[in-house]
């Protein structure tokens, strides 16, 4: 599977689906990360970018792209939709993880809405939860018990954000334990990442459908985007 994780700010992806991406990478899936801002409202952009690169390497991502949209001023525009669609096509994404549609942060909402339109030809889109997310209605759960400690380490790589309460290990683990309890499936499952299903398509055998229509011919990375190729 080709998996594209989209986030508004450095650390959003790790908080929302870091455990899932770690498992996916370890299982041999191709993981790509696209962050739309450089987090200038909450720190120095160079430092935050370096933290994100280190985190993407730890995840085992194939490639990371950091765009240059202005932090806290991301709006639903044609340009935003086109930017996200570009990376969906470039990665030939089978699964996209993004922010939920009713997230309380306006940057997050705009990106979620843009992803739904940009991803009109792909089969699977899931909205992830951050510890600070409100208005979240989980409909899908994924066991990250084996990667929760590695997820905490990913988040700790964002040292510039250590003063934020929702980034501490108690918040991250507490949320994952709460979601595990909600599943009521198995007492051995003690850490879970929850998602909202925004789009889901199955094959005949009930496995997830892979993308079939997307081509990435003649695509060139936009000039404002910093590209980090992490795995050949």
C-alpha atoms as a PDB file:
ATOM      1  CA  UNK A   1       0.000   0.000   0.000  1.00  0.00           C
ATOM      2  CA  UNK A   2       1.033   3.593  -0.631  1.00  0.00           C
ATOM      3  CA  UNK A   3       0.122   5.673   2.404  1.00  0.00           C
ATOM      4  CA  UNK A   4       0.100   9.488   2.426  1.00  0.00           C
ATOM      5  CA  UNK A   5      -0.201  11.288   5.764  1.00  0.00           C
ATOM      6  CA  UNK A   6      -1.125  14.973   5.576  1.00  0.00           C
ATOM      7  CA  UNK A   7      -0.743  17.478   8.403  1.00  0.00           C
ATOM      8  CA  UNK A   8      -1.125  21.200   8.856  1.00  0.00           C
ATOM      9  CA  UNK A   9       1.848  21.659  11.188  1.00  0.00           C
ATOM     10  CA  UNK A  10       5.006  19.796  12.172  1.00  0.00           C
ATOM     11  CA  UNK A  11       3.998  17.158  14.788  1.00  0.00           C
ATOM     12  CA  UNK A  12       0.319  16.874  13.682  1.00  0.00           C
ATOM     13  CA  UNK A  13       0.911  13.650  11.762  1.00  0.00           C
ATOM     14  CA  UNK A  14       2.889  12.032  14.571  1.00  0.00           C
ATOM     15  CA  UNK A  15       0.260  12.922  17.148  1.00  0.00           C
ATOM     16  CA  UNK A  16      -2.617  11.690  15.008  1.00  0.00           C
ATOM     17  CA  UNK A  17      -1.312   8.559  13.316  1.00  0.00           C
ATOM     18  CA  UNK A  18       2.332   8.123  14.295  1.00  0.00           C
ATOM     19  CA  UNK A  19       1.765   4.674  15.760  1.00  0.00           C
ATOM     20  CA  UNK A  20      -0.104   3.530  12.669  1.00  0.00           C
ATOM     21  CA  UNK A  21       2.595   4.828  10.328  1.00  0.00           C
ATOM     22  CA  UNK A  22       5.314   3.122  12.351  1.00  0.00           C
ATOM     23  CA  UNK A  23       3.514  -0.212  12.024  1.00  0.00           C
ATOM     24  CA  UNK A  24       2.853   0.359   8.312  1.00  0.00           C
ATOM     25  CA  UNK A  25       6.497   1.140   7.601  1.00  0.00           C
ATOM     26  CA  UNK A  26       7.667  -1.906   9.549  1.00  0.00           C
ATOM     27  CA  UNK A  27       5.271  -4.056   7.540  1.00  0.00           C
ATOM     28  CA  UNK A  28       6.806  -2.865   4.271  1.00  0.00           C
ATOM     29  CA  UNK A  29       4.205  -0.329   3.160  1.00  0.00           C
ATOM     30  CA  UNK A  30       5.339   2.919   1.512  1.00  0.00           C
ATOM     31  CA  UNK A  31       4.770   5.853   3.877  1.00  0.00           C
ATOM     32  CA  UNK A  32       4.829   9.447   2.630  1.00  0.00           C
ATOM     33  CA  UNK A  33       4.367  12.604   4.691  1.00  0.00           C
ATOM     34  CA  UNK A  34       3.193  16.044   3.542  1.00  0.00           C
ATOM     35  CA  UNK A  35       3.093  18.968   5.990  1.00  0.00           C
ATOM     36  CA  UNK A  36       1.605  22.185   4.676  1.00  0.00           C
ATOM     37  CA  UNK A  37       3.088  24.798   7.028  1.00  0.00           C
ATOM     38  CA  UNK A  38       6.447  25.170   8.736  1.00  0.00           C
ATOM     39  CA  UNK A  39       4.906  25.933  12.121  1.00  0.00           C
ATOM     40  CA  UNK A  40       6.063  29.536  12.326  1.00  0.00           C
ATOM     41  CA  UNK A  41       3.366  30.537  14.802  1.00  0.00           C
ATOM     42  CA  UNK A  42       4.821  28.208  17.439  1.00  0.00           C
ATOM     43  CA  UNK A  43       8.576  28.331  16.908  1.00  0.00           C
ATOM     44  CA  UNK A  44      11.468  28.832  14.526  1.00  0.00           C
ATOM     45  CA  UNK A  45      10.683  27.282  11.169  1.00  0.00           C
ATOM     46  CA  UNK A  46      14.174  25.864  10.598  1.00  0.00           C
ATOM     47  CA  UNK A  47      14.187  24.134  13.963  1.00  0.00           C
ATOM     48  CA  UNK A  48      10.681  22.781  13.472  1.00  0.00           C
ATOM     49  CA  UNK A  49      11.540  21.509   9.999  1.00  0.00           C
ATOM     50  CA  UNK A  50      14.607  19.702  11.349  1.00  0.00           C
ATOM     51  CA  UNK A  51      12.495  18.091  14.068  1.00  0.00           C
ATOM     52  CA  UNK A  52      10.014  16.919  11.461  1.00  0.00           C
ATOM     53  CA  UNK A  53      12.758  15.451   9.269  1.00  0.00           C
ATOM     54  CA  UNK A  54      14.145  13.489  12.223  1.00  0.00           C
ATOM     55  CA  UNK A  55      10.672  12.224  13.040  1.00  0.00           C
ATOM     56  CA  UNK A  56       9.981  11.153   9.451  1.00  0.00           C
ATOM     57  CA  UNK A  57      13.276   9.258   9.404  1.00  0.00           C
ATOM     58  CA  UNK A  58      12.322   7.484  12.626  1.00  0.00           C
ATOM     59  CA  UNK A  59       8.964   6.499  11.146  1.00  0.00           C
ATOM     60  CA  UNK A  60      10.731   5.026   8.132  1.00  0.00           C
ATOM     61  CA  UNK A  61       8.968   7.307   5.672  1.00  0.00           C
ATOM     62  CA  UNK A  62      10.026   7.096   2.061  1.00  0.00           C
ATOM     63  CA  UNK A  63       9.707  10.821   1.478  1.00  0.00           C
ATOM     64  CA  UNK A  64       8.729  13.985   3.361  1.00  0.00           C
ATOM     65  CA  UNK A  65       7.504  17.235   1.833  1.00  0.00           C
ATOM     66  CA  UNK A  66       7.241  20.481   3.785  1.00  0.00           C
ATOM     67  CA  UNK A  67       5.223  23.210   2.096  1.00  0.00           C
ATOM     68  CA  UNK A  68       5.208  26.949   2.857  1.00  0.00           C
ATOM     69  CA  UNK A  69       1.602  27.827   3.636  1.00  0.00           C
ATOM     70  CA  UNK A  70       1.387  30.404   6.433  1.00  0.00           C
ATOM     71  CA  UNK A  71       0.765  28.885   9.839  1.00  0.00           C
ATOM     72  CA  UNK A  72      -2.713  29.734  11.216  1.00  0.00           C
ATOM     73  CA  UNK A  73      -3.750  31.230   7.865  1.00  0.00           C
ATOM     74  CA  UNK A  74      -4.616  28.139   5.841  1.00  0.00           C
ATOM     75  CA  UNK A  75      -7.951  28.495   4.056  1.00  0.00           C
ATOM     76  CA  UNK A  76      -9.956  26.339   1.680  1.00  0.00           C
ATOM     77  CA  UNK A  77      -8.869  27.556  -1.748  1.00  0.00           C
ATOM     78  CA  UNK A  78      -8.331  26.098  -5.192  1.00  0.00           C
ATOM     79  CA  UNK A  79      -4.578  26.383  -4.599  1.00  0.00           C
ATOM     80  CA  UNK A  80      -4.815  24.311  -1.417  1.00  0.00           C
ATOM     81  CA  UNK A  81      -6.873  21.625  -3.149  1.00  0.00           C
ATOM     82  CA  UNK A  82      -4.412  21.520  -6.053  1.00  0.00           C
ATOM     83  CA  UNK A  83      -1.433  21.274  -3.696  1.00  0.00           C
ATOM     84  CA  UNK A  84      -2.883  18.271  -1.889  1.00  0.00           C
ATOM     85  CA  UNK A  85      -4.016  16.650  -5.139  1.00  0.00           C
ATOM     86  CA  UNK A  86      -0.478  17.004  -6.492  1.00  0.00           C
ATOM     87  CA  UNK A  87       0.950  14.864  -3.695  1.00  0.00           C
ATOM     88  CA  UNK A  88      -1.893  12.368  -3.847  1.00  0.00           C
ATOM     89  CA  UNK A  89      -1.012  11.842  -7.509  1.00  0.00           C
ATOM     90  CA  UNK A  90       2.733  11.863  -6.895  1.00  0.00           C
ATOM     91  CA  UNK A  91       2.489   9.113  -4.272  1.00  0.00           C
ATOM     92  CA  UNK A  92      -0.329   7.197  -5.999  1.00  0.00           C
ATOM     93  CA  UNK A  93      -1.858   7.045  -2.555  1.00  0.00           C
ATOM     94  CA  UNK A  94      -4.098   4.106  -1.686  1.00  0.00           C
ATOM     95  CA  UNK A  95      -4.774   5.513   1.791  1.00  0.00           C
ATOM     96  CA  UNK A  96      -4.699   9.123   2.954  1.00  0.00           C
ATOM     97  CA  UNK A  97      -4.620  10.142   6.613  1.00  0.00           C
ATOM     98  CA  UNK A  98      -5.593  13.743   7.285  1.00  0.00           C
ATOM     99  CA  UNK A  99      -7.343  15.972   9.810  1.00  0.00           C
ATOM    100  CA  UNK A 100     -11.036  15.372  10.599  1.00  0.00           C
ATOM    101  CA  UNK A 101     -13.624  17.592   8.926  1.00  0.00           C
ATOM    102  CA  UNK A 102     -14.923  19.151  12.165  1.00  0.00           C
ATOM    103  CA  UNK A 103     -11.567  19.742  13.865  1.00  0.00           C
ATOM    104  CA  UNK A 104     -11.528  22.793  16.133  1.00  0.00           C
ATOM    105  CA  UNK A 105      -8.427  24.298  14.438  1.00  0.00           C
ATOM    106  CA  UNK A 106      -9.285  26.204  11.263  1.00  0.00           C
ATOM    107  CA  UNK A 107      -6.057  25.156   9.494  1.00  0.00           C
ATOM    108  CA  UNK A 108      -6.986  21.537  10.156  1.00  0.00           C
ATOM    109  CA  UNK A 109     -10.564  21.963   8.910  1.00  0.00           C
ATOM    110  CA  UNK A 110      -9.444  23.633   5.693  1.00  0.00           C
ATOM    111  CA  UNK A 111      -6.971  20.844   4.953  1.00  0.00           C
ATOM    112  CA  UNK A 112      -9.551  18.146   5.693  1.00  0.00           C
ATOM    113  CA  UNK A 113     -12.066  19.729   3.348  1.00  0.00           C
ATOM    114  CA  UNK A 114      -9.450  20.211   0.643  1.00  0.00           C
ATOM    115  CA  UNK A 115      -8.327  16.597   1.001  1.00  0.00           C
ATOM    116  CA  UNK A 116     -11.846  15.306   0.399  1.00  0.00           C
ATOM    117  CA  UNK A 117     -12.025  17.117  -2.934  1.00  0.00           C
ATOM    118  CA  UNK A 118      -8.410  16.450  -3.885  1.00  0.00           C
ATOM    119  CA  UNK A 119      -8.919  12.771  -3.066  1.00  0.00           C
ATOM    120  CA  UNK A 120     -12.048  12.258  -5.108  1.00  0.00           C
ATOM    121  CA  UNK A 121     -10.379   9.501  -7.170  1.00  0.00           C
ATOM    122  CA  UNK A 122      -8.763   7.599  -4.308  1.00  0.00           C
ATOM    123  CA  UNK A 123     -10.574   4.909  -2.321  1.00  0.00           C
ATOM    124  CA  UNK A 124      -9.651   5.476   1.330  1.00  0.00           C
ATOM    125  CA  UNK A 125      -9.433   8.645   3.430  1.00  0.00           C
ATOM    126  CA  UNK A 126      -9.300   8.627   7.219  1.00  0.00           C
ATOM    127  CA  UNK A 127      -9.338  11.518   9.676  1.00  0.00           C
ATOM    128  CA  UNK A 128      -6.986  11.248  12.653  1.00  0.00           C
ATOM    129  CA  UNK A 129      -7.264  12.626  16.168  1.00  0.00           C
ATOM    130  CA  UNK A 130      -4.857  14.886  18.040  1.00  0.00           C
ATOM    131  CA  UNK A 131      -5.021  15.100  21.854  1.00  0.00           C
ATOM    132  CA  UNK A 132      -6.369  18.649  21.472  1.00  0.00           C
ATOM    133  CA  UNK A 133      -9.058  17.663  18.932  1.00  0.00           C
ATOM    134  CA  UNK A 134     -12.677  18.355  19.782  1.00  0.00           C
ATOM    135  CA  UNK A 135     -15.801  17.379  17.810  1.00  0.00           C
ATOM    136  CA  UNK A 136     -14.268  14.001  17.006  1.00  0.00           C
ATOM    137  CA  UNK A 137     -16.428  10.953  16.325  1.00  0.00           C
ATOM    138  CA  UNK A 138     -14.210   7.835  16.062  1.00  0.00           C
ATOM    139  CA  UNK A 139     -15.505   5.106  13.773  1.00  0.00           C
ATOM    140  CA  UNK A 140     -12.326   3.101  13.170  1.00  0.00           C
ATOM    141  CA  UNK A 141      -9.718   1.831  15.625  1.00  0.00           C
ATOM    142  CA  UNK A 142      -6.185   0.524  15.085  1.00  0.00           C
ATOM    143  CA  UNK A 143      -4.089  -1.286  17.661  1.00  0.00           C
ATOM    144  CA  UNK A 144      -0.762   0.505  18.268  1.00  0.00           C
ATOM    145  CA  UNK A 145       0.167  -1.278  21.491  1.00  0.00           C
ATOM    146  CA  UNK A 146       3.460  -2.438  19.996  1.00  0.00           C
ATOM    147  CA  UNK A 147       4.402   1.039  18.738  1.00  0.00           C
ATOM    148  CA  UNK A 148       3.103   3.367  21.472  1.00  0.00           C
ATOM    149  CA  UNK A 149       6.535   3.840  23.054  1.00  0.00           C
ATOM    150  CA  UNK A 150       8.061   4.560  19.646  1.00  0.00           C
ATOM    151  CA  UNK A 151       5.249   7.044  18.990  1.00  0.00           C
ATOM    152  CA  UNK A 152       6.054   8.892  22.215  1.00  0.00           C
ATOM    153  CA  UNK A 153       9.699   9.050  21.124  1.00  0.00           C
ATOM    154  CA  UNK A 154       8.612  10.549  17.790  1.00  0.00           C
ATOM    155  CA  UNK A 155       6.697  13.273  19.555  1.00  0.00           C
ATOM    156  CA  UNK A 156       9.595  13.933  21.927  1.00  0.00           C
ATOM    157  CA  UNK A 157      11.729  14.718  18.876  1.00  0.00           C
ATOM    158  CA  UNK A 158       9.693  17.934  18.587  1.00  0.00           C
ATOM    159  CA  UNK A 159      11.605  19.485  21.456  1.00  0.00           C
ATOM    160  CA  UNK A 160      10.613  23.035  20.525  1.00  0.00           C
ATOM    161  CA  UNK A 161       7.021  22.157  21.458  1.00  0.00           C
ATOM    162  CA  UNK A 162       7.709  20.494  24.803  1.00  0.00           C
ATOM    163  CA  UNK A 163       5.837  23.193  26.739  1.00  0.00           C
ATOM    164  CA  UNK A 164       2.531  22.164  25.128  1.00  0.00           C
ATOM    165  CA  UNK A 165       0.581  20.020  27.569  1.00  0.00           C
ATOM    166  CA  UNK A 166      -1.087  17.909  24.866  1.00  0.00           C
ATOM    167  CA  UNK A 167       2.304  16.761  23.571  1.00  0.00           C
ATOM    168  CA  UNK A 168       3.448  15.172  26.822  1.00  0.00           C
ATOM    169  CA  UNK A 169       3.576  11.410  27.095  1.00  0.00           C
ATOM    170  CA  UNK A 170       0.718  11.236  29.611  1.00  0.00           C
ATOM    171  CA  UNK A 171      -1.635  12.975  27.183  1.00  0.00           C
ATOM    172  CA  UNK A 172      -0.604  10.810  24.255  1.00  0.00           C
ATOM    173  CA  UNK A 173      -0.747   7.524  26.142  1.00  0.00           C
ATOM    174  CA  UNK A 174      -3.888   8.511  28.023  1.00  0.00           C
ATOM    175  CA  UNK A 175      -5.780   9.168  24.806  1.00  0.00           C
ATOM    176  CA  UNK A 176      -4.604   5.894  23.254  1.00  0.00           C
ATOM    177  CA  UNK A 177      -5.615   3.962  26.373  1.00  0.00           C
ATOM    178  CA  UNK A 178      -9.032   5.629  26.388  1.00  0.00           C
ATOM    179  CA  UNK A 179      -9.622   4.650  22.763  1.00  0.00           C
ATOM    180  CA  UNK A 180      -8.472   1.094  23.504  1.00  0.00           C
ATOM    181  CA  UNK A 181     -11.066   0.810  26.269  1.00  0.00           C
ATOM    182  CA  UNK A 182     -13.753   2.007  23.853  1.00  0.00           C
ATOM    183  CA  UNK A 183     -13.053  -0.855  21.447  1.00  0.00           C
ATOM    184  CA  UNK A 184     -13.870  -3.499  24.115  1.00  0.00           C
ATOM    185  CA  UNK A 185     -12.259  -6.109  21.897  1.00  0.00           C
ATOM    186  CA  UNK A 186      -9.283  -7.551  23.732  1.00  0.00           C
ATOM    187  CA  UNK A 187      -7.664  -6.713  27.074  1.00  0.00           C
ATOM    188  CA  UNK A 188      -4.267  -7.170  25.431  1.00  0.00           C
ATOM    189  CA  UNK A 189      -5.008  -4.160  23.218  1.00  0.00           C
ATOM    190  CA  UNK A 190      -4.091  -1.285  25.514  1.00  0.00           C
ATOM    191  CA  UNK A 191      -3.178   1.480  23.050  1.00  0.00           C
ATOM    192  CA  UNK A 192      -5.239   2.464  20.036  1.00  0.00           C
ATOM    193  CA  UNK A 193      -5.317   5.255  17.470  1.00  0.00           C
ATOM    194  CA  UNK A 194      -8.843   6.240  16.480  1.00  0.00           C
ATOM    195  CA  UNK A 195      -9.995   7.580  13.131  1.00  0.00           C
ATOM    196  CA  UNK A 196     -13.052   8.980  11.441  1.00  0.00           C
ATOM    197  CA  UNK A 197     -13.844   7.180   8.207  1.00  0.00           C
ATOM    198  CA  UNK A 198     -14.189   9.865   5.561  1.00  0.00           C
ATOM    199  CA  UNK A 199     -14.064   7.442   2.649  1.00  0.00           C
ATOM    200  CA  UNK A 200     -13.649   3.660   2.625  1.00  0.00           C
ATOM    201  CA  UNK A 201     -13.706   1.184  -0.259  1.00  0.00           C
ATOM    202  CA  UNK A 202     -13.243  -2.589  -0.196  1.00  0.00           C
ATOM    203  CA  UNK A 203     -12.021  -5.143  -2.698  1.00  0.00           C
ATOM    204  CA  UNK A 204     -14.166  -8.236  -3.320  1.00  0.00           C
ATOM    205  CA  UNK A 205     -12.219 -10.085  -0.605  1.00  0.00           C
ATOM    206  CA  UNK A 206     -12.919  -7.229   1.855  1.00  0.00           C
ATOM    207  CA  UNK A 207      -9.333  -5.970   1.831  1.00  0.00           C
ATOM    208  CA  UNK A 208      -8.875  -2.243   1.229  1.00  0.00           C
ATOM    209  CA  UNK A 209      -9.165  -1.232  -2.401  1.00  0.00           C
ATOM    210  CA  UNK A 210      -6.004   0.150  -3.966  1.00  0.00           C
ATOM    211  CA  UNK A 211      -5.910   3.225  -6.178  1.00  0.00           C
ATOM    212  CA  UNK A 212      -6.318   2.430  -9.867  1.00  0.00           C
ATOM    213  CA  UNK A 213      -6.833   5.647 -11.827  1.00  0.00           C
ATOM    214  CA  UNK A 214      -4.068   7.927 -10.610  1.00  0.00           C
ATOM    215  CA  UNK A 215      -0.981   8.508 -12.730  1.00  0.00           C
ATOM    216  CA  UNK A 216       1.982  10.653 -11.734  1.00  0.00           C
ATOM    217  CA  UNK A 217       3.386  11.371 -15.157  1.00  0.00           C
ATOM    218  CA  UNK A 218       5.116  14.720 -15.705  1.00  0.00           C
ATOM    219  CA  UNK A 219       4.826  15.790 -12.076  1.00  0.00           C
ATOM    220  CA  UNK A 220       7.408  18.181 -10.682  1.00  0.00           C
ATOM    221  CA  UNK A 221       7.641  19.188  -7.041  1.00  0.00           C
ATOM    222  CA  UNK A 222       6.452  22.815  -6.588  1.00  0.00           C
ATOM    223  CA  UNK A 223       9.235  25.330  -5.952  1.00  0.00           C
ATOM    224  CA  UNK A 224       7.973  26.373  -2.500  1.00  0.00           C
ATOM    225  CA  UNK A 225       8.060  22.782  -1.226  1.00  0.00           C
ATOM    226  CA  UNK A 226      11.118  21.331   0.493  1.00  0.00           C
ATOM    227  CA  UNK A 227      11.547  17.682  -0.447  1.00  0.00           C
ATOM    228  CA  UNK A 228      13.372  15.157   1.707  1.00  0.00           C
ATOM    229  CA  UNK A 229      13.925  11.763   0.094  1.00  0.00           C
ATOM    230  CA  UNK A 230      14.510   9.507   3.074  1.00  0.00           C
ATOM    231  CA  UNK A 231      14.532   6.064   1.440  1.00  0.00           C
ATOM    232  CA  UNK A 232      15.520   5.093  -2.098  1.00  0.00           C
END
